[in-house]
Amino acid sequence: MNFTDFVTSVIEQKQIDAGQSQDAALIAAGMRAILDDEAKALQPDQSVALVSVTFDQLNSAEPDQPVRFETRLDRKTRTLVFLSGTALSGDLGVLKATAIYRIS
C-alpha cells in the first residue's frame, strides 16, 4: 500500500489496522490526515491551511489492536480553527494532537 492509499484508508475508516499500529510515525501521519480532513469539512467553501500542529506520544499501541482516532473542535473563529485529537489503542491513549488551521 502506498502512502496516498494509506491516508485515504485512515480517513475513511478513522483507524489504522492492527498490522500497522506499532509504527508511531504512521499513527502521527494518520492523525494529521484526520485533522486535515476535519478542518476541510468544517469549511467546505473556503480553503484551510495548517498553521501549527503538536503531537504528544502518550504510550505505545497495544499489540494486535487497531488504533482509532477521535477528534474534537475546540474553537472556531472567523479566521482560525482549533482542533484536537486522540489516537486510542483499546482504551489506551497513544497519541494526543492539537492543531490550528487558518481559514482563507
PDB file of N, CA and C in Angstrom:
ATOM      1  N   MET A   1       0.854  -1.176   0.000  1.00  0.00           N
ATOM      2  CA  MET A   1       0.000   0.000   0.000  1.00  0.00           C
ATOM      3  C   MET A   1       0.899   1.238   0.000  1.00  0.00           C
ATOM      4  N   ASN A   2       0.627   2.168  -0.911  1.00  0.00           N
ATOM      5  CA  ASN A   2       1.415   3.398  -0.918  1.00  0.00           C
ATOM      6  C   ASN A   2       0.825   4.378   0.097  1.00  0.00           C
ATOM      7  N   PHE A   3       1.531   5.501   0.310  1.00  0.00           N
ATOM      8  CA  PHE A   3       1.134   6.441   1.355  1.00  0.00           C
ATOM      9  C   PHE A   3      -0.220   7.077   1.066  1.00  0.00           C
ATOM     10  N   THR A   4      -0.490   7.412  -0.176  1.00  0.00           N
ATOM     11  CA  THR A   4      -1.782   8.011  -0.539  1.00  0.00           C
ATOM     12  C   THR A   4      -2.924   7.058  -0.216  1.00  0.00           C
ATOM     13  N   ASP A   5      -2.760   5.787  -0.530  1.00  0.00           N
ATOM     14  CA  ASP A   5      -3.776   4.786  -0.204  1.00  0.00           C
ATOM     15  C   ASP A   5      -3.935   4.641   1.311  1.00  0.00           C
ATOM     16  N   PHE A   6      -2.818   4.702   2.031  1.00  0.00           N
ATOM     17  CA  PHE A   6      -2.848   4.623   3.493  1.00  0.00           C
ATOM     18  C   PHE A   6      -3.680   5.771   4.061  1.00  0.00           C
ATOM     19  N   VAL A   7      -3.387   6.994   3.609  1.00  0.00           N
ATOM     20  CA  VAL A   7      -4.100   8.170   4.112  1.00  0.00           C
ATOM     21  C   VAL A   7      -5.587   8.084   3.784  1.00  0.00           C
ATOM     22  N   THR A   8      -5.921   7.694   2.571  1.00  0.00           N
ATOM     23  CA  THR A   8      -7.326   7.551   2.174  1.00  0.00           C
ATOM     24  C   THR A   8      -8.030   6.535   3.064  1.00  0.00           C
ATOM     25  N   SER A   9      -7.378   5.420   3.333  1.00  0.00           N
ATOM     26  CA  SER A   9      -7.945   4.377   4.183  1.00  0.00           C
ATOM     27  C   SER A   9      -8.177   4.880   5.609  1.00  0.00           C
ATOM     28  N   VAL A  10      -7.203   5.602   6.147  1.00  0.00           N
ATOM     29  CA  VAL A  10      -7.330   6.128   7.511  1.00  0.00           C
ATOM     30  C   VAL A  10      -8.502   7.101   7.603  1.00  0.00           C
ATOM     31  N   ILE A  11      -8.624   7.988   6.626  1.00  0.00           N
ATOM     32  CA  ILE A  11      -9.710   8.963   6.640  1.00  0.00           C
ATOM     33  C   ILE A  11     -11.066   8.260   6.553  1.00  0.00           C
ATOM     34  N   GLU A  12     -11.176   7.252   5.705  1.00  0.00           N
ATOM     35  CA  GLU A  12     -12.449   6.535   5.549  1.00  0.00           C
ATOM     36  C   GLU A  12     -12.809   5.725   6.786  1.00  0.00           C
ATOM     37  N   GLN A  13     -11.817   5.038   7.365  1.00  0.00           N
ATOM     38  CA  GLN A  13     -12.083   4.128   8.477  1.00  0.00           C
ATOM     39  C   GLN A  13     -11.951   4.769   9.848  1.00  0.00           C
ATOM     40  N   LYS A  14     -11.260   5.911   9.921  1.00  0.00           N
ATOM     41  CA  LYS A  14     -10.954   6.577  11.200  1.00  0.00           C
ATOM     42  C   LYS A  14     -10.155   5.660  12.125  1.00  0.00           C
ATOM     43  N   GLN A  15      -9.337   4.803  11.504  1.00  0.00           N
ATOM     44  CA  GLN A  15      -8.476   3.923  12.291  1.00  0.00           C
ATOM     45  C   GLN A  15      -7.333   3.385  11.444  1.00  0.00           C
ATOM     46  N   ILE A  16      -6.330   2.852  12.123  1.00  0.00           N
ATOM     47  CA  ILE A  16      -5.217   2.151  11.493  1.00  0.00           C
ATOM     48  C   ILE A  16      -5.338   0.690  11.886  1.00  0.00           C
ATOM     49  N   ASP A  17      -5.200  -0.182  10.925  1.00  0.00           N
ATOM     50  CA  ASP A  17      -5.304  -1.616  11.188  1.00  0.00           C
ATOM     51  C   ASP A  17      -4.220  -2.087  12.151  1.00  0.00           C
ATOM     52  N   ALA A  18      -4.494  -3.188  12.815  1.00  0.00           N
ATOM     53  CA  ALA A  18      -3.591  -3.721  13.834  1.00  0.00           C
ATOM     54  C   ALA A  18      -2.189  -3.988  13.304  1.00  0.00           C
ATOM     55  N   GLY A  19      -2.051  -4.396  12.048  1.00  0.00           N
ATOM     56  CA  GLY A  19      -0.736  -4.708  11.491  1.00  0.00           C
ATOM     57  C   GLY A  19       0.178  -3.507  11.358  1.00  0.00           C
ATOM     58  N   GLN A  20      -0.380  -2.284  11.364  1.00  0.00           N
ATOM     59  CA  GLN A  20       0.413  -1.064  11.234  1.00  0.00           C
ATOM     60  C   GLN A  20       0.427  -0.238  12.505  1.00  0.00           C
ATOM     61  N   SER A  21      -0.229  -0.720  13.549  1.00  0.00           N
ATOM     62  CA  SER A  21      -0.453   0.097  14.740  1.00  0.00           C
ATOM     63  C   SER A  21       0.772   0.263  15.638  1.00  0.00           C
ATOM     64  N   GLN A  22       1.830  -0.457  15.382  1.00  0.00           N
ATOM     65  CA  GLN A  22       3.034  -0.332  16.216  1.00  0.00           C
ATOM     66  C   GLN A  22       3.984   0.746  15.710  1.00  0.00           C
ATOM     67  N   ASP A  23       3.677   1.368  14.590  1.00  0.00           N
ATOM     68  CA  ASP A  23       4.540   2.385  13.993  1.00  0.00           C
ATOM     69  C   ASP A  23       4.052   3.771  14.408  1.00  0.00           C
ATOM     70  N   ALA A  24       4.796   4.431  15.311  1.00  0.00           N
ATOM     71  CA  ALA A  24       4.390   5.734  15.831  1.00  0.00           C
ATOM     72  C   ALA A  24       4.308   6.783  14.727  1.00  0.00           C
ATOM     73  N   ALA A  25       5.169   6.696  13.724  1.00  0.00           N
ATOM     74  CA  ALA A  25       5.134   7.661  12.618  1.00  0.00           C
ATOM     75  C   ALA A  25       3.850   7.509  11.802  1.00  0.00           C
ATOM     76  N   LEU A  26       3.393   6.292  11.599  1.00  0.00           N
ATOM     77  CA  LEU A  26       2.138   6.078  10.878  1.00  0.00           C
ATOM     78  C   LEU A  26       0.946   6.579  11.690  1.00  0.00           C
ATOM     79  N   ILE A  27       0.999   6.422  12.994  1.00  0.00           N
ATOM     80  CA  ILE A  27      -0.076   6.929  13.844  1.00  0.00           C
ATOM     81  C   ILE A  27      -0.129   8.457  13.751  1.00  0.00           C
ATOM     82  N   ALA A  28       1.023   9.110  13.813  1.00  0.00           N
ATOM     83  CA  ALA A  28       1.066  10.567  13.693  1.00  0.00           C
ATOM     84  C   ALA A  28       0.583  11.019  12.314  1.00  0.00           C
ATOM     85  N   ALA A  29       0.988  10.318  11.268  1.00  0.00           N
ATOM     86  CA  ALA A  29       0.544  10.662   9.914  1.00  0.00           C
ATOM     87  C   ALA A  29      -0.966  10.474   9.778  1.00  0.00           C
ATOM     88  N   GLY A  30      -1.481   9.412  10.366  1.00  0.00           N
ATOM     89  CA  GLY A  30      -2.921   9.178  10.345  1.00  0.00           C
ATOM     90  C   GLY A  30      -3.675  10.275  11.081  1.00  0.00           C
ATOM     91  N   MET A  31      -3.155  10.680  12.226  1.00  0.00           N
ATOM     92  CA  MET A  31      -3.790  11.750  12.995  1.00  0.00           C
ATOM     93  C   MET A  31      -3.791  13.050  12.188  1.00  0.00           C
ATOM     94  N   ARG A  32      -2.670  13.354  11.552  1.00  0.00           N
ATOM     95  CA  ARG A  32      -2.590  14.575  10.739  1.00  0.00           C
ATOM     96  C   ARG A  32      -3.624  14.517   9.608  1.00  0.00           C
ATOM     97  N   ALA A  33      -3.750  13.395   8.952  1.00  0.00           N
ATOM     98  CA  ALA A  33      -4.723  13.255   7.866  1.00  0.00           C
ATOM     99  C   ALA A  33      -6.154  13.452   8.375  1.00  0.00           C
ATOM    100  N   ILE A  34      -6.455  12.896   9.515  1.00  0.00           N
ATOM    101  CA  ILE A  34      -7.787  13.024  10.111  1.00  0.00           C
ATOM    102  C   ILE A  34      -8.076  14.483  10.464  1.00  0.00           C
ATOM    103  N   LEU A  35      -7.108  15.166  11.087  1.00  0.00           N
ATOM    104  CA  LEU A  35      -7.290  16.567  11.453  1.00  0.00           C
ATOM    105  C   LEU A  35      -7.466  17.443  10.213  1.00  0.00           C
ATOM    106  N   ASP A  36      -6.633  17.214   9.185  1.00  0.00           N
ATOM    107  CA  ASP A  36      -6.756  17.971   7.934  1.00  0.00           C
ATOM    108  C   ASP A  36      -8.149  17.794   7.326  1.00  0.00           C
ATOM    109  N   ASP A  37      -8.607  16.558   7.286  1.00  0.00           N
ATOM    110  CA  ASP A  37      -9.925  16.261   6.711  1.00  0.00           C
ATOM    111  C   ASP A  37     -11.030  16.935   7.517  1.00  0.00           C
ATOM    112  N   GLU A  38     -10.917  16.909   8.824  1.00  0.00           N
ATOM    113  CA  GLU A  38     -11.921  17.540   9.689  1.00  0.00           C
ATOM    114  C   GLU A  38     -11.948  19.050   9.476  1.00  0.00           C
ATOM    115  N   ALA A  39     -10.777  19.677   9.377  1.00  0.00           N
ATOM    116  CA  ALA A  39     -10.713  21.127   9.153  1.00  0.00           C
ATOM    117  C   ALA A  39     -11.356  21.499   7.820  1.00  0.00           C
ATOM    118  N   LYS A  40     -11.085  20.719   6.785  1.00  0.00           N
ATOM    119  CA  LYS A  40     -11.685  20.980   5.468  1.00  0.00           C
ATOM    120  C   LYS A  40     -13.200  20.797   5.507  1.00  0.00           C
ATOM    121  N   ALA A  41     -13.675  19.808   6.248  1.00  0.00           N
ATOM    122  CA  ALA A  41     -15.112  19.561   6.344  1.00  0.00           C
ATOM    123  C   ALA A  41     -15.834  20.698   7.069  1.00  0.00           C
ATOM    124  N   LEU A  42     -15.155  21.355   8.000  1.00  0.00           N
ATOM    125  CA  LEU A  42     -15.761  22.470   8.719  1.00  0.00           C
ATOM    126  C   LEU A  42     -15.907  23.711   7.854  1.00  0.00           C
ATOM    127  N   GLN A  43     -15.070  23.837   6.834  1.00  0.00           N
ATOM    128  CA  GLN A  43     -15.069  24.999   5.941  1.00  0.00           C
ATOM    129  C   GLN A  43     -15.107  24.534   4.485  1.00  0.00           C
ATOM    130  N   PRO A  44     -16.163  23.878   4.046  1.00  0.00           N
ATOM    131  CA  PRO A  44     -16.165  23.274   2.707  1.00  0.00           C
ATOM    132  C   PRO A  44     -16.051  24.273   1.560  1.00  0.00           C
ATOM    133  N   ASP A  45     -16.469  25.514   1.785  1.00  0.00           N
ATOM    134  CA  ASP A  45     -16.428  26.508   0.714  1.00  0.00           C
ATOM    135  C   ASP A  45     -15.214  27.418   0.776  1.00  0.00           C
ATOM    136  N   GLN A  46     -14.326  27.192   1.737  1.00  0.00           N
ATOM    137  CA  GLN A  46     -13.129  28.001   1.889  1.00  0.00           C
ATOM    138  C   GLN A  46     -11.922  27.084   2.018  1.00  0.00           C
ATOM    139  N   SER A  47     -10.754  27.636   1.785  1.00  0.00           N
ATOM    140  CA  SER A  47      -9.557  26.821   1.962  1.00  0.00           C
ATOM    141  C   SER A  47      -9.052  26.974   3.397  1.00  0.00           C
ATOM    142  N   VAL A  48      -8.458  25.925   3.887  1.00  0.00           N
ATOM    143  CA  VAL A  48      -7.845  25.942   5.216  1.00  0.00           C
ATOM    144  C   VAL A  48      -6.386  25.524   5.061  1.00  0.00           C
ATOM    145  N   ALA A  49      -5.532  26.146   5.853  1.00  0.00           N
ATOM    146  CA  ALA A  49      -4.102  25.830   5.803  1.00  0.00           C
ATOM    147  C   ALA A  49      -3.609  25.600   7.225  1.00  0.00           C
ATOM    148  N   LEU A  50      -2.834  24.562   7.391  1.00  0.00           N
ATOM    149  CA  LEU A  50      -2.275  24.251   8.699  1.00  0.00           C
ATOM    150  C   LEU A  50      -1.304  25.346   9.124  1.00  0.00           C
ATOM    151  N   VAL A  51      -1.488  25.851  10.324  1.00  0.00           N
ATOM    152  CA  VAL A  51      -0.594  26.856  10.897  1.00  0.00           C
ATOM    153  C   VAL A  51       0.357  26.199  11.885  1.00  0.00           C
ATOM    154  N   SER A  52      -0.191  25.307  12.711  1.00  0.00           N
ATOM    155  CA  SER A  52       0.606  24.681  13.765  1.00  0.00           C
ATOM    156  C   SER A  52       0.002  23.332  14.126  1.00  0.00           C
ATOM    157  N   VAL A  53       0.861  22.371  14.402  1.00  0.00           N
ATOM    158  CA  VAL A  53       0.397  21.075  14.907  1.00  0.00           C
ATOM    159  C   VAL A  53       1.405  20.578  15.932  1.00  0.00           C
ATOM    160  N   THR A  54       0.893  19.994  17.005  1.00  0.00           N
ATOM    161  CA  THR A  54       1.729  19.423  18.059  1.00  0.00           C
ATOM    162  C   THR A  54       1.251  18.009  18.334  1.00  0.00           C
ATOM    163  N   PHE A  55       2.194  17.071  18.386  1.00  0.00           N
ATOM    164  CA  PHE A  55       1.890  15.684  18.716  1.00  0.00           C
ATOM    165  C   PHE A  55       2.572  15.336  20.029  1.00  0.00           C
ATOM    166  N   ASP A  56       1.855  14.689  20.916  1.00  0.00           N
ATOM    167  CA  ASP A  56       2.406  14.175  22.160  1.00  0.00           C
ATOM    168  C   ASP A  56       2.166  12.680  22.196  1.00  0.00           C
ATOM    169  N   GLN A  57       3.267  11.909  22.192  1.00  0.00           N
ATOM    170  CA  GLN A  57       3.114  10.459  22.289  1.00  0.00           C
ATOM    171  C   GLN A  57       2.900  10.103  23.749  1.00  0.00           C
ATOM    172  N   LEU A  58       1.829   9.373  24.008  1.00  0.00           N
ATOM    173  CA  LEU A  58       1.449   9.029  25.369  1.00  0.00           C
ATOM    174  C   LEU A  58       1.885   7.629  25.762  1.00  0.00           C
ATOM    175  N   ASN A  59       1.727   6.680  24.860  1.00  0.00           N
ATOM    176  CA  ASN A  59       2.030   5.269  25.108  1.00  0.00           C
ATOM    177  C   ASN A  59       2.291   4.583  23.782  1.00  0.00           C
ATOM    178  N   SER A  60       2.748   3.362  23.857  1.00  0.00           N
ATOM    179  CA  SER A  60       2.829   2.519  22.671  1.00  0.00           C
ATOM    180  C   SER A  60       1.483   1.830  22.482  1.00  0.00           C
ATOM    181  N   ALA A  61       1.129   1.609  21.242  1.00  0.00           N
ATOM    182  CA  ALA A  61      -0.133   0.918  20.964  1.00  0.00           C
ATOM    183  C   ALA A  61      -0.060  -0.520  21.452  1.00  0.00           C
ATOM    184  N   GLU A  62      -1.200  -1.039  21.846  1.00  0.00           N
ATOM    185  CA  GLU A  62      -1.267  -2.428  22.275  1.00  0.00           C
ATOM    186  C   GLU A  62      -1.066  -3.337  21.062  1.00  0.00           C
ATOM    187  N   PRO A  63      -0.272  -4.389  21.204  1.00  0.00           N
ATOM    188  CA  PRO A  63      -0.048  -5.298  20.081  1.00  0.00           C
ATOM    189  C   PRO A  63      -1.362  -5.899  19.580  1.00  0.00           C
ATOM    190  N   ASP A  64      -1.455  -6.048  18.273  1.00  0.00           N
ATOM    191  CA  ASP A  64      -2.613  -6.666  17.630  1.00  0.00           C
ATOM    192  C   ASP A  64      -3.928  -5.930  17.862  1.00  0.00           C
ATOM    193  N   GLN A  65      -3.853  -4.645  18.198  1.00  0.00           N
ATOM    194  CA  GLN A  65      -5.050  -3.821  18.354  1.00  0.00           C
ATOM    195  C   GLN A  65      -5.018  -2.705  17.307  1.00  0.00           C
ATOM    196  N   PRO A  66      -6.119  -2.436  16.639  1.00  0.00           N
ATOM    197  CA  PRO A  66      -6.144  -1.277  15.741  1.00  0.00           C
ATOM    198  C   PRO A  66      -6.064   0.010  16.560  1.00  0.00           C
ATOM    199  N   VAL A  67      -5.669   1.067  15.918  1.00  0.00           N
ATOM    200  CA  VAL A  67      -5.642   2.387  16.550  1.00  0.00           C
ATOM    201  C   VAL A  67      -6.761   3.200  15.910  1.00  0.00           C
ATOM    202  N   ARG A  68      -7.654   3.713  16.737  1.00  0.00           N
ATOM    203  CA  ARG A  68      -8.756   4.524  16.220  1.00  0.00           C
ATOM    204  C   ARG A  68      -8.534   5.989  16.610  1.00  0.00           C
ATOM    205  N   PHE A  69      -9.131   6.870  15.822  1.00  0.00           N
ATOM    206  CA  PHE A  69      -8.921   8.299  16.000  1.00  0.00           C
ATOM    207  C   PHE A  69     -10.210   8.992  16.395  1.00  0.00           C
ATOM    208  N   GLU A  70     -10.099   9.910  17.342  1.00  0.00           N
ATOM    209  CA  GLU A  70     -11.212  10.757  17.748  1.00  0.00           C
ATOM    210  C   GLU A  70     -10.741  12.197  17.649  1.00  0.00           C
ATOM    211  N   THR A  71     -11.598  13.075  17.125  1.00  0.00           N
ATOM    212  CA  THR A  71     -11.249  14.491  17.016  1.00  0.00           C
ATOM    213  C   THR A  71     -12.304  15.332  17.713  1.00  0.00           C
ATOM    214  N   ARG A  72     -11.899  16.559  18.003  1.00  0.00           N
ATOM    215  CA  ARG A  72     -12.813  17.477  18.662  1.00  0.00           C
ATOM    216  C   ARG A  72     -12.529  18.891  18.172  1.00  0.00           C
ATOM    217  N   LEU A  73     -13.577  19.627  17.884  1.00  0.00           N
ATOM    218  CA  LEU A  73     -13.443  21.047  17.576  1.00  0.00           C
ATOM    219  C   LEU A  73     -13.345  21.783  18.903  1.00  0.00           C
ATOM    220  N   ASP A  74     -12.212  22.415  19.138  1.00  0.00           N
ATOM    221  CA  ASP A  74     -12.020  23.138  20.399  1.00  0.00           C
ATOM    222  C   ASP A  74     -12.543  24.565  20.312  1.00  0.00           C
ATOM    223  N   ARG A  75     -12.318  25.187  19.152  1.00  0.00           N
ATOM    224  CA  ARG A  75     -12.746  26.569  18.975  1.00  0.00           C
ATOM    225  C   ARG A  75     -12.694  26.917  17.496  1.00  0.00           C
ATOM    226  N   LYS A  76     -13.590  27.805  17.094  1.00  0.00           N
ATOM    227  CA  LYS A  76     -13.582  28.279  15.716  1.00  0.00           C
ATOM    228  C   LYS A  76     -13.858  29.775  15.729  1.00  0.00           C
ATOM    229  N   THR A  77     -12.988  30.518  15.067  1.00  0.00           N
ATOM    230  CA  THR A  77     -13.201  31.951  14.915  1.00  0.00           C
ATOM    231  C   THR A  77     -13.438  32.228  13.434  1.00  0.00           C
ATOM    232  N   ARG A  78     -13.519  33.502  13.093  1.00  0.00           N
ATOM    233  CA  ARG A  78     -13.723  33.865  11.695  1.00  0.00           C
ATOM    234  C   ARG A  78     -12.544  33.443  10.827  1.00  0.00           C
ATOM    235  N   THR A  79     -11.334  33.421  11.403  1.00  0.00           N
ATOM    236  CA  THR A  79     -10.130  33.146  10.607  1.00  0.00           C
ATOM    237  C   THR A  79      -9.343  31.911  11.036  1.00  0.00           C
ATOM    238  N   LEU A  80      -9.694  31.306  12.162  1.00  0.00           N
ATOM    239  CA  LEU A  80      -8.929  30.159  12.665  1.00  0.00           C
ATOM    240  C   LEU A  80      -9.834  29.034  13.136  1.00  0.00           C
ATOM    241  N   VAL A  81      -9.338  27.807  12.992  1.00  0.00           N
ATOM    242  CA  VAL A  81      -9.999  26.609  13.526  1.00  0.00           C
ATOM    243  C   VAL A  81      -8.995  25.912  14.441  1.00  0.00           C
ATOM    244  N   PHE A  82      -9.423  25.616  15.661  1.00  0.00           N
ATOM    245  CA  PHE A  82      -8.592  24.922  16.640  1.00  0.00           C
ATOM    246  C   PHE A  82      -9.170  23.523  16.837  1.00  0.00           C
ATOM    247  N   LEU A  83      -8.397  22.505  16.511  1.00  0.00           N
ATOM    248  CA  LEU A  83      -8.829  21.116  16.639  1.00  0.00           C
ATOM    249  C   LEU A  83      -7.890  20.355  17.555  1.00  0.00           C
ATOM    250  N   SER A  84      -8.412  19.303  18.161  1.00  0.00           N
ATOM    251  CA  SER A  84      -7.553  18.380  18.908  1.00  0.00           C
ATOM    252  C   SER A  84      -8.006  16.964  18.580  1.00  0.00           C
ATOM    253  N   GLY A  85      -7.130  16.032  18.852  1.00  0.00           N
ATOM    254  CA  GLY A  85      -7.459  14.644  18.567  1.00  0.00           C
ATOM    255  C   GLY A  85      -6.690  13.704  19.458  1.00  0.00           C
ATOM    256  N   THR A  86      -7.208  12.496  19.563  1.00  0.00           N
ATOM    257  CA  THR A  86      -6.569  11.438  20.339  1.00  0.00           C
ATOM    258  C   THR A  86      -6.584  10.160  19.521  1.00  0.00           C
ATOM    259  N   ALA A  87      -5.469   9.454  19.544  1.00  0.00           N
ATOM    260  CA  ALA A  87      -5.383   8.129  18.950  1.00  0.00           C
ATOM    261  C   ALA A  87      -5.463   7.120  20.092  1.00  0.00           C
ATOM    262  N   LEU A  88      -6.338   6.140  19.953  1.00  0.00           N
ATOM    263  CA  LEU A  88      -6.585   5.166  21.014  1.00  0.00           C
ATOM    264  C   LEU A  88      -6.340   3.752  20.528  1.00  0.00           C
ATOM    265  N   SER A  89      -5.691   2.975  21.368  1.00  0.00           N
ATOM    266  CA  SER A  89      -5.485   1.556  21.131  1.00  0.00           C
ATOM    267  C   SER A  89      -6.218   0.835  22.256  1.00  0.00           C
ATOM    268  N   GLY A  90      -7.359   0.249  21.937  1.00  0.00           N
ATOM    269  CA  GLY A  90      -8.234  -0.236  23.001  1.00  0.00           C
ATOM    270  C   GLY A  90      -8.724   0.986  23.758  1.00  0.00           C
ATOM    271  N   ASP A  91      -8.541   1.009  25.070  1.00  0.00           N
ATOM    272  CA  ASP A  91      -8.891   2.179  25.878  1.00  0.00           C
ATOM    273  C   ASP A  91      -7.670   3.028  26.210  1.00  0.00           C
ATOM    274  N   LEU A  92      -6.512   2.655  25.681  1.00  0.00           N
ATOM    275  CA  LEU A  92      -5.256   3.321  25.987  1.00  0.00           C
ATOM    276  C   LEU A  92      -4.981   4.446  24.997  1.00  0.00           C
ATOM    277  N   GLY A  93      -4.788   5.657  25.494  1.00  0.00           N
ATOM    278  CA  GLY A  93      -4.404   6.777  24.641  1.00  0.00           C
ATOM    279  C   GLY A  93      -2.954   6.622  24.215  1.00  0.00           C
ATOM    280  N   VAL A  94      -2.687   6.676  22.918  1.00  0.00           N
ATOM    281  CA  VAL A  94      -1.311   6.523  22.433  1.00  0.00           C
ATOM    282  C   VAL A  94      -0.739   7.811  21.840  1.00  0.00           C
ATOM    283  N   LEU A  95      -1.615   8.734  21.414  1.00  0.00           N
ATOM    284  CA  LEU A  95      -1.139   9.981  20.821  1.00  0.00           C
ATOM    285  C   LEU A  95      -2.193  11.054  21.033  1.00  0.00           C
ATOM    286  N   LYS A  96      -1.732  12.244  21.386  1.00  0.00           N
ATOM    287  CA  LYS A  96      -2.603  13.404  21.518  1.00  0.00           C
ATOM    288  C   LYS A  96      -2.094  14.456  20.548  1.00  0.00           C
ATOM    289  N   ALA A  97      -2.994  15.153  19.884  1.00  0.00           N
ATOM    290  CA  ALA A  97      -2.591  16.174  18.927  1.00  0.00           C
ATOM    291  C   ALA A  97      -3.443  17.418  19.092  1.00  0.00           C
ATOM    292  N   THR A  98      -2.828  18.571  18.839  1.00  0.00           N
ATOM    293  CA  THR A  98      -3.551  19.831  18.746  1.00  0.00           C
ATOM    294  C   THR A  98      -3.120  20.503  17.462  1.00  0.00           C
ATOM    295  N   ALA A  99      -4.066  21.152  16.788  1.00  0.00           N
ATOM    296  CA  ALA A  99      -3.750  21.785  15.502  1.00  0.00           C
ATOM    297  C   ALA A  99      -4.532  23.083  15.347  1.00  0.00           C
ATOM    298  N   ILE A 100      -3.911  24.020  14.651  1.00  0.00           N
ATOM    299  CA  ILE A 100      -4.555  25.290  14.323  1.00  0.00           C
ATOM    300  C   ILE A 100      -4.501  25.435  12.799  1.00  0.00           C
ATOM    301  N   TYR A 101      -5.655  25.798  12.224  1.00  0.00           N
ATOM    302  CA  TYR A 101      -5.767  26.000  10.774  1.00  0.00           C
ATOM    303  C   TYR A 101      -6.251  27.418  10.513  1.00  0.00           C
ATOM    304  N   ARG A 102      -5.683  28.039   9.491  1.00  0.00           N
ATOM    305  CA  ARG A 102      -6.111  29.362   9.055  1.00  0.00           C
ATOM    306  C   ARG A 102      -7.168  29.195   7.954  1.00  0.00           C
ATOM    307  N   ILE A 103      -8.248  29.945   8.068  1.00  0.00           N
ATOM    308  CA  ILE A 103      -9.308  29.933   7.072  1.00  0.00           C
ATOM    309  C   ILE A 103      -9.057  31.087   6.108  1.00  0.00           C
ATOM    310  N   SER A 104      -9.091  30.783   4.818  1.00  0.00           N
ATOM    311  CA  SER A 104      -8.928  31.883   3.848  1.00  0.00           C
ATOM    312  C   SER A 104      -9.893  31.705   2.683  1.00  0.00           C
TER     313      SER A 104
END
